[in-house]
Amino acid sequence: MLFVLAVNLVGDGLRDALDPTSAAGRRPSRRARTRALADSRQTVTTTRRSTP
């Protein structure tokens, strides 16, 4: 049973690493991470209200 689980996990890892159409195993590019961070900061600054 442990052998089957180990083979399954190794197969999943290889599929994620080698399949170019799969987005599951890939990190976003640096440009996409930077853009997402800038967008989240802009959302925070626009929704924050100043106190009188």
PDB file of N, CA and C in Angstrom:
ATOM      1  N   MET A   1       0.822  -1.193   0.000  1.00  0.00           N
ATOM      2  CA  MET A   1       0.000   0.000   0.000  1.00  0.00           C
ATOM      3  C   MET A   1       0.871   1.264   0.000  1.00  0.00           C
ATOM      4  N   LEU A   2       1.919   1.310   0.822  1.00  0.00           N
ATOM      5  CA  LEU A   2       2.807   2.470   0.846  1.00  0.00           C
ATOM      6  C   LEU A   2       3.542   2.633  -0.481  1.00  0.00           C
ATOM      7  N   PHE A   3       3.893   1.498  -1.099  1.00  0.00           N
ATOM      8  CA  PHE A   3       4.574   1.557  -2.390  1.00  0.00           C
ATOM      9  C   PHE A   3       3.672   2.200  -3.447  1.00  0.00           C
ATOM     10  N   VAL A   4       2.417   1.835  -3.463  1.00  0.00           N
ATOM     11  CA  VAL A   4       1.471   2.394  -4.430  1.00  0.00           C
ATOM     12  C   VAL A   4       1.309   3.894  -4.201  1.00  0.00           C
ATOM     13  N   LEU A   5       1.217   4.304  -2.957  1.00  0.00           N
ATOM     14  CA  LEU A   5       1.095   5.727  -2.638  1.00  0.00           C
ATOM     15  C   LEU A   5       2.340   6.493  -3.074  1.00  0.00           C
ATOM     16  N   ALA A   6       3.519   5.922  -2.824  1.00  0.00           N
ATOM     17  CA  ALA A   6       4.766   6.575  -3.207  1.00  0.00           C
ATOM     18  C   ALA A   6       4.866   6.719  -4.726  1.00  0.00           C
ATOM     19  N   VAL A   7       4.517   5.675  -5.451  1.00  0.00           N
ATOM     20  CA  VAL A   7       4.562   5.735  -6.911  1.00  0.00           C
ATOM     21  C   VAL A   7       3.562   6.770  -7.425  1.00  0.00           C
ATOM     22  N   ASN A   8       2.406   6.838  -6.811  1.00  0.00           N
ATOM     23  CA  ASN A   8       1.396   7.813  -7.211  1.00  0.00           C
ATOM     24  C   ASN A   8       1.905   9.236  -6.995  1.00  0.00           C
ATOM     25  N   LEU A   9       2.509   9.498  -5.864  1.00  0.00           N
ATOM     26  CA  LEU A   9       3.018  10.838  -5.577  1.00  0.00           C
ATOM     27  C   LEU A   9       4.163  11.211  -6.512  1.00  0.00           C
ATOM     28  N   VAL A  10       5.044  10.271  -6.794  1.00  0.00           N
ATOM     29  CA  VAL A  10       6.146  10.537  -7.726  1.00  0.00           C
ATOM     30  C   VAL A  10       5.586  10.819  -9.119  1.00  0.00           C
ATOM     31  N   GLY A  11       4.603  10.058  -9.537  1.00  0.00           N
ATOM     32  CA  GLY A  11       3.989  10.281 -10.846  1.00  0.00           C
ATOM     33  C   GLY A  11       3.325  11.644 -10.938  1.00  0.00           C
ATOM     34  N   ASP A  12       2.642  12.050  -9.876  1.00  0.00           N
ATOM     35  CA  ASP A  12       2.013  13.376  -9.862  1.00  0.00           C
ATOM     36  C   ASP A  12       3.062  14.480  -9.951  1.00  0.00           C
ATOM     37  N   GLY A  13       4.152  14.305  -9.223  1.00  0.00           N
ATOM     38  CA  GLY A  13       5.228  15.301  -9.263  1.00  0.00           C
ATOM     39  C   GLY A  13       5.862  15.396 -10.635  1.00  0.00           C
ATOM     40  N   LEU A  14       6.099  14.262 -11.262  1.00  0.00           N
ATOM     41  CA  LEU A  14       6.670  14.274 -12.611  1.00  0.00           C
ATOM     42  C   LEU A  14       5.705  14.905 -13.615  1.00  0.00           C
ATOM     43  N   ARG A  15       4.432  14.597 -13.503  1.00  0.00           N
ATOM     44  CA  ARG A  15       3.453  15.192 -14.410  1.00  0.00           C
ATOM     45  C   ARG A  15       3.426  16.708 -14.250  1.00  0.00           C
ATOM     46  N   ASP A  16       3.419  17.176 -13.008  1.00  0.00           N
ATOM     47  CA  ASP A  16       3.394  18.624 -12.767  1.00  0.00           C
ATOM     48  C   ASP A  16       4.658  19.301 -13.295  1.00  0.00           C
ATOM     49  N   ALA A  17       5.792  18.624 -13.165  1.00  0.00           N
ATOM     50  CA  ALA A  17       7.057  19.223 -13.591  1.00  0.00           C
ATOM     51  C   ALA A  17       7.228  19.203 -15.107  1.00  0.00           C
ATOM     52  N   LEU A  18       6.697  18.193 -15.775  1.00  0.00           N
ATOM     53  CA  LEU A  18       6.989  18.012 -17.194  1.00  0.00           C
ATOM     54  C   LEU A  18       5.862  18.410 -18.139  1.00  0.00           C
ATOM     55  N   ASP A  19       4.657  18.575 -17.655  1.00  0.00           N
ATOM     56  CA  ASP A  19       3.536  18.893 -18.527  1.00  0.00           C
ATOM     57  C   ASP A  19       3.474  20.400 -18.763  1.00  0.00           C
ATOM     58  N   PRO A  20       3.760  20.853 -19.983  1.00  0.00           N
ATOM     59  CA  PRO A  20       3.787  22.299 -20.228  1.00  0.00           C
ATOM     60  C   PRO A  20       2.413  22.965 -20.184  1.00  0.00           C
ATOM     61  N   THR A  21       1.340  22.187 -20.325  1.00  0.00           N
ATOM     62  CA  THR A  21       0.007  22.792 -20.322  1.00  0.00           C
ATOM     63  C   THR A  21      -0.596  22.859 -18.930  1.00  0.00           C
ATOM     64  N   SER A  22       0.044  22.225 -17.968  1.00  0.00           N
ATOM     65  CA  SER A  22      -0.485  22.207 -16.609  1.00  0.00           C
ATOM     66  C   SER A  22       0.016  23.418 -15.840  1.00  0.00           C
ATOM     67  N   ALA A  23      -0.888  24.122 -15.190  1.00  0.00           N
ATOM     68  CA  ALA A  23      -0.506  25.290 -14.393  1.00  0.00           C
ATOM     69  C   ALA A  23      -0.348  24.927 -12.923  1.00  0.00           C
ATOM     70  N   ALA A  24      -0.601  23.682 -12.557  1.00  0.00           N
ATOM     71  CA  ALA A  24      -0.600  23.289 -11.147  1.00  0.00           C
ATOM     72  C   ALA A  24       0.785  23.354 -10.523  1.00  0.00           C
ATOM     73  N   GLY A  25       1.817  22.998 -11.253  1.00  0.00           N
ATOM     74  CA  GLY A  25       3.142  22.918 -10.660  1.00  0.00           C
ATOM     75  C   GLY A  25       4.017  24.123 -10.892  1.00  0.00           C
ATOM     76  N   ARG A  26       3.496  25.145 -11.545  1.00  0.00           N
ATOM     77  CA  ARG A  26       4.325  26.293 -11.892  1.00  0.00           C
ATOM     78  C   ARG A  26       4.105  27.461 -10.965  1.00  0.00           C
ATOM     79  N   ARG A  27       5.189  28.175 -10.698  1.00  0.00           N
ATOM     80  CA  ARG A  27       5.085  29.433  -9.971  1.00  0.00           C
ATOM     81  C   ARG A  27       4.767  30.525 -10.971  1.00  0.00           C
ATOM     82  N   PRO A  28       4.053  31.543 -10.542  1.00  0.00           N
ATOM     83  CA  PRO A  28       3.811  32.660 -11.456  1.00  0.00           C
ATOM     84  C   PRO A  28       5.123  33.376 -11.770  1.00  0.00           C
ATOM     85  N   SER A  29       5.200  33.994 -12.919  1.00  0.00           N
ATOM     86  CA  SER A  29       6.404  34.712 -13.303  1.00  0.00           C
ATOM     87  C   SER A  29       6.620  35.900 -12.361  1.00  0.00           C
ATOM     88  N   ARG A  30       7.816  36.411 -12.375  1.00  0.00           N
ATOM     89  CA  ARG A  30       8.136  37.549 -11.510  1.00  0.00           C
ATOM     90  C   ARG A  30       7.261  38.759 -11.866  1.00  0.00           C
ATOM     91  N   ARG A  31       7.012  38.953 -13.165  1.00  0.00           N
ATOM     92  CA  ARG A  31       6.172  40.062 -13.592  1.00  0.00           C
ATOM     93  C   ARG A  31       4.748  39.902 -13.056  1.00  0.00           C
ATOM     94  N   ALA A  32       4.218  38.687 -13.109  1.00  0.00           N
ATOM     95  CA  ALA A  32       2.858  38.453 -12.609  1.00  0.00           C
ATOM     96  C   ALA A  32       2.792  38.646 -11.095  1.00  0.00           C
ATOM     97  N   ARG A  33       3.824  38.198 -10.366  1.00  0.00           N
ATOM     98  CA  ARG A  33       3.829  38.388  -8.909  1.00  0.00           C
ATOM     99  C   ARG A  33       3.914  39.863  -8.562  1.00  0.00           C
ATOM    100  N   THR A  34       4.758  40.612  -9.286  1.00  0.00           N
ATOM    101  CA  THR A  34       4.906  42.040  -9.023  1.00  0.00           C
ATOM    102  C   THR A  34       3.610  42.777  -9.322  1.00  0.00           C
ATOM    103  N   ARG A  35       2.968  42.415 -10.437  1.00  0.00           N
ATOM    104  CA  ARG A  35       1.705  43.058 -10.809  1.00  0.00           C
ATOM    105  C   ARG A  35       0.626  42.768  -9.769  1.00  0.00           C
ATOM    106  N   ALA A  36       0.554  41.528  -9.301  1.00  0.00           N
ATOM    107  CA  ALA A  36      -0.454  41.167  -8.294  1.00  0.00           C
ATOM    108  C   ALA A  36      -0.200  41.918  -6.993  1.00  0.00           C
ATOM    109  N   LEU A  37       1.065  42.055  -6.625  1.00  0.00           N
ATOM    110  CA  LEU A  37       1.394  42.785  -5.403  1.00  0.00           C
ATOM    111  C   LEU A  37       1.024  44.259  -5.542  1.00  0.00           C
ATOM    112  N   ALA A  38       1.319  44.857  -6.678  1.00  0.00           N
ATOM    113  CA  ALA A  38       0.979  46.268  -6.894  1.00  0.00           C
ATOM    114  C   ALA A  38      -0.532  46.458  -6.887  1.00  0.00           C
ATOM    115  N   ASP A  39      -1.266  45.537  -7.514  1.00  0.00           N
ATOM    116  CA  ASP A  39      -2.721  45.637  -7.521  1.00  0.00           C
ATOM    117  C   ASP A  39      -3.293  45.528  -6.114  1.00  0.00           C
ATOM    118  N   SER A  40      -2.740  44.634  -5.302  1.00  0.00           N
ATOM    119  CA  SER A  40      -3.257  44.481  -3.947  1.00  0.00           C
ATOM    120  C   SER A  40      -2.942  45.716  -3.104  1.00  0.00           C
ATOM    121  N   ARG A  41      -1.789  46.302  -3.309  1.00  0.00           N
ATOM    122  CA  ARG A  41      -1.454  47.528  -2.569  1.00  0.00           C
ATOM    123  C   ARG A  41      -2.347  48.685  -2.986  1.00  0.00           C
ATOM    124  N   GLN A  42      -2.653  48.771  -4.266  1.00  0.00           N
ATOM    125  CA  GLN A  42      -3.521  49.842  -4.749  1.00  0.00           C
ATOM    126  C   GLN A  42      -4.927  49.684  -4.176  1.00  0.00           C
ATOM    127  N   THR A  43      -5.407  48.463  -4.088  1.00  0.00           N
ATOM    128  CA  THR A  43      -6.729  48.208  -3.528  1.00  0.00           C
ATOM    129  C   THR A  43      -6.773  48.618  -2.056  1.00  0.00           C
ATOM    130  N   VAL A  44      -5.715  48.314  -1.328  1.00  0.00           N
ATOM    131  CA  VAL A  44      -5.673  48.666   0.089  1.00  0.00           C
ATOM    132  C   VAL A  44      -5.662  50.172   0.250  1.00  0.00           C
ATOM    133  N   THR A  45      -4.876  50.874  -0.557  1.00  0.00           N
ATOM    134  CA  THR A  45      -4.770  52.318  -0.393  1.00  0.00           C
ATOM    135  C   THR A  45      -6.042  53.027  -0.831  1.00  0.00           C
ATOM    136  N   THR A  46      -6.750  52.486  -1.823  1.00  0.00           N
ATOM    137  CA  THR A  46      -7.969  53.153  -2.270  1.00  0.00           C
ATOM    138  C   THR A  46      -9.143  52.900  -1.349  1.00  0.00           C
ATOM    139  N   THR A  47      -9.135  51.800  -0.609  1.00  0.00           N
ATOM    140  CA  THR A  47     -10.247  51.505   0.270  1.00  0.00           C
ATOM    141  C   THR A  47     -10.029  52.054   1.682  1.00  0.00           C
ATOM    142  N   ARG A  48      -8.837  52.500   1.989  1.00  0.00           N
ATOM    143  CA  ARG A  48      -8.544  53.034   3.315  1.00  0.00           C
ATOM    144  C   ARG A  48      -9.067  54.459   3.412  1.00  0.00           C
ATOM    145  N   ARG A  49      -9.795  54.739   4.464  1.00  0.00           N
ATOM    146  CA  ARG A  49     -10.342  56.089   4.662  1.00  0.00           C
ATOM    147  C   ARG A  49      -9.495  56.825   5.690  1.00  0.00           C
ATOM    148  N   SER A  50      -9.337  58.112   5.462  1.00  0.00           N
ATOM    149  CA  SER A  50      -8.613  58.918   6.432  1.00  0.00           C
ATOM    150  C   SER A  50      -9.581  59.407   7.497  1.00  0.00           C
ATOM    151  N   THR A  51      -9.097  59.487   8.710  1.00  0.00           N
ATOM    152  CA  THR A  51      -9.952  59.955   9.807  1.00  0.00           C
ATOM    153  C   THR A  51      -9.817  61.465   9.921  1.00  0.00           C
ATOM    154  N   PRO A  52     -10.921  62.145  10.169  1.00  0.00           N
ATOM    155  CA  PRO A  52     -10.875  63.624  10.255  1.00  0.00           C
ATOM    156  C   PRO A  52     -10.211  64.115  11.511  1.00  0.00           C
TER     157      PRO A  52
END
